[in-house]
Amino acid sequence: FGSILREKLFENSNVELEDEIRGIVESALEIYFPRVIPQEIRINSEEDRNLIQFYLSYSISQTNISDELLINVEQ
C-alpha cells in the first residue's frame, strides 16, 4: 500500500483522489488479504504538507479479531 500512496502525494488533493485511494486499498485487501473485512476506511489529505492520513478499521473473518490502523504517509 505504501508505494501506491506515496505516488498519490504529488496529485492535487480532492474527493476523487480520496475515492481512488480507497478503491486501491479495497482491491488490494480483496486480492492479498481476503480474510480482512474493512469496517471503515478514511483518507484525509493535507496538500500543503504533502501528507495523506489513512485510517482503516477492520475485522478478520471467522475470528473475533478486530483492530484499527492509522498510517501517515508524507514526503
C-alpha atoms as a PDB file:
ATOM      1  CA  PHE A   1       0.000   0.000   0.000  1.00  0.00           C
ATOM      2  CA  GLY A   2       2.761   2.414   0.913  1.00  0.00           C
ATOM      3  CA  SER A   3       4.284   2.782  -2.526  1.00  0.00           C
ATOM      4  CA  ILE A   4       0.919   3.425  -4.151  1.00  0.00           C
ATOM      5  CA  LEU A   5       0.007   6.015  -1.522  1.00  0.00           C
ATOM      6  CA  ARG A   6       3.375   7.754  -1.899  1.00  0.00           C
ATOM      7  CA  GLU A   7       2.729   8.214  -5.616  1.00  0.00           C
ATOM      8  CA  LYS A   8      -0.549   9.957  -4.805  1.00  0.00           C
ATOM      9  CA  LEU A   9       1.182  12.599  -2.641  1.00  0.00           C
ATOM     10  CA  PHE A  10       2.029  14.623  -5.722  1.00  0.00           C
ATOM     11  CA  GLU A  11      -1.521  14.759  -7.037  1.00  0.00           C
ATOM     12  CA  ASN A  12      -3.943  17.515  -6.133  1.00  0.00           C
ATOM     13  CA  SER A  13      -5.980  16.596  -3.095  1.00  0.00           C
ATOM     14  CA  ASN A  14      -9.701  16.226  -3.788  1.00  0.00           C
ATOM     15  CA  VAL A  15     -12.609  13.871  -3.269  1.00  0.00           C
ATOM     16  CA  GLU A  16     -11.774  11.916  -6.432  1.00  0.00           C
ATOM     17  CA  LEU A  17      -8.230  11.243  -5.173  1.00  0.00           C
ATOM     18  CA  GLU A  18      -9.543  10.046  -1.834  1.00  0.00           C
ATOM     19  CA  ASP A  19     -12.050   7.771  -3.604  1.00  0.00           C
ATOM     20  CA  GLU A  20      -9.271   6.421  -5.836  1.00  0.00           C
ATOM     21  CA  ILE A  21      -7.064   5.614  -2.846  1.00  0.00           C
ATOM     22  CA  ARG A  22      -9.988   3.952  -1.072  1.00  0.00           C
ATOM     23  CA  GLY A  23     -10.618   1.809  -4.164  1.00  0.00           C
ATOM     24  CA  ILE A  24      -6.945   0.822  -4.432  1.00  0.00           C
ATOM     25  CA  VAL A  25      -6.897  -0.281  -0.799  1.00  0.00           C
ATOM     26  CA  GLU A  26     -10.188  -2.182  -1.038  1.00  0.00           C
ATOM     27  CA  SER A  27      -8.998  -4.009  -4.175  1.00  0.00           C
ATOM     28  CA  ALA A  28      -5.648  -4.891  -2.606  1.00  0.00           C
ATOM     29  CA  LEU A  29      -7.377  -6.236   0.506  1.00  0.00           C
ATOM     30  CA  GLU A  30      -9.655  -8.422  -1.611  1.00  0.00           C
ATOM     31  CA  ILE A  31      -6.712  -9.843  -3.573  1.00  0.00           C
ATOM     32  CA  TYR A  32      -3.957 -10.169  -0.976  1.00  0.00           C
ATOM     33  CA  PHE A  33      -5.815 -10.306   2.347  1.00  0.00           C
ATOM     34  CA  PRO A  34      -9.262 -11.767   1.626  1.00  0.00           C
ATOM     35  CA  ARG A  35      -9.933 -12.556   5.301  1.00  0.00           C
ATOM     36  CA  VAL A  36      -9.584  -8.874   6.243  1.00  0.00           C
ATOM     37  CA  ILE A  37     -13.022  -7.249   6.219  1.00  0.00           C
ATOM     38  CA  PRO A  38     -12.809  -3.446   6.164  1.00  0.00           C
ATOM     39  CA  GLN A  39     -15.269  -1.772   8.533  1.00  0.00           C
ATOM     40  CA  GLU A  40     -14.262   1.826   7.851  1.00  0.00           C
ATOM     41  CA  ILE A  41     -11.739   3.457   5.541  1.00  0.00           C
ATOM     42  CA  ARG A  42     -10.961   7.157   5.873  1.00  0.00           C
ATOM     43  CA  ILE A  43      -8.485   9.169   3.870  1.00  0.00           C
ATOM     44  CA  ASN A  44      -7.506  12.667   4.904  1.00  0.00           C
ATOM     45  CA  SER A  45      -5.002  14.676   2.931  1.00  0.00           C
ATOM     46  CA  GLU A  46      -3.129  17.848   3.679  1.00  0.00           C
ATOM     47  CA  GLU A  47      -1.870  19.194   0.395  1.00  0.00           C
ATOM     48  CA  ASP A  48       0.308  21.906   1.944  1.00  0.00           C
ATOM     49  CA  ARG A  49       2.247  19.253   3.914  1.00  0.00           C
ATOM     50  CA  ASN A  50       2.244  16.528   1.218  1.00  0.00           C
ATOM     51  CA  LEU A  51       0.538  14.297   3.759  1.00  0.00           C
ATOM     52  CA  ILE A  52      -2.018  11.553   3.360  1.00  0.00           C
ATOM     53  CA  GLN A  53      -3.502  10.111   6.529  1.00  0.00           C
ATOM     54  CA  PHE A  54      -5.016   6.684   6.074  1.00  0.00           C
ATOM     55  CA  TYR A  55      -7.330   5.082   8.656  1.00  0.00           C
ATOM     56  CA  LEU A  56      -8.649   1.532   8.459  1.00  0.00           C
ATOM     57  CA  SER A  57     -10.765  -0.321  10.972  1.00  0.00           C
ATOM     58  CA  TYR A  58     -11.223  -3.970  10.155  1.00  0.00           C
ATOM     59  CA  SER A  59     -12.092  -7.424  11.365  1.00  0.00           C
ATOM     60  CA  ILE A  60     -10.703 -10.830  10.442  1.00  0.00           C
ATOM     61  CA  SER A  61     -13.323 -13.248   9.142  1.00  0.00           C
ATOM     62  CA  GLN A  62     -14.045 -16.381  11.188  1.00  0.00           C
ATOM     63  CA  THR A  63     -12.307 -14.894  14.243  1.00  0.00           C
ATOM     64  CA  ASN A  64     -13.159 -12.436  16.996  1.00  0.00           C
ATOM     65  CA  ILE A  65     -10.262 -10.210  15.958  1.00  0.00           C
ATOM     66  CA  SER A  66     -10.858  -6.583  15.084  1.00  0.00           C
ATOM     67  CA  ASP A  67      -8.428  -3.697  15.094  1.00  0.00           C
ATOM     68  CA  GLU A  68      -7.643  -0.368  13.519  1.00  0.00           C
ATOM     69  CA  LEU A  69      -4.698   1.063  11.701  1.00  0.00           C
ATOM     70  CA  LEU A  70      -3.588   4.668  11.202  1.00  0.00           C
ATOM     71  CA  ILE A  71      -0.826   5.433   8.692  1.00  0.00           C
ATOM     72  CA  ASN A  72       0.637   8.839   7.933  1.00  0.00           C
ATOM     73  CA  VAL A  73       2.354   8.954   4.545  1.00  0.00           C
ATOM     74  CA  GLU A  74       4.349  12.075   3.899  1.00  0.00           C
ATOM     75  CA  GLN A  75       7.062  13.190   1.535  1.00  0.00           C
END
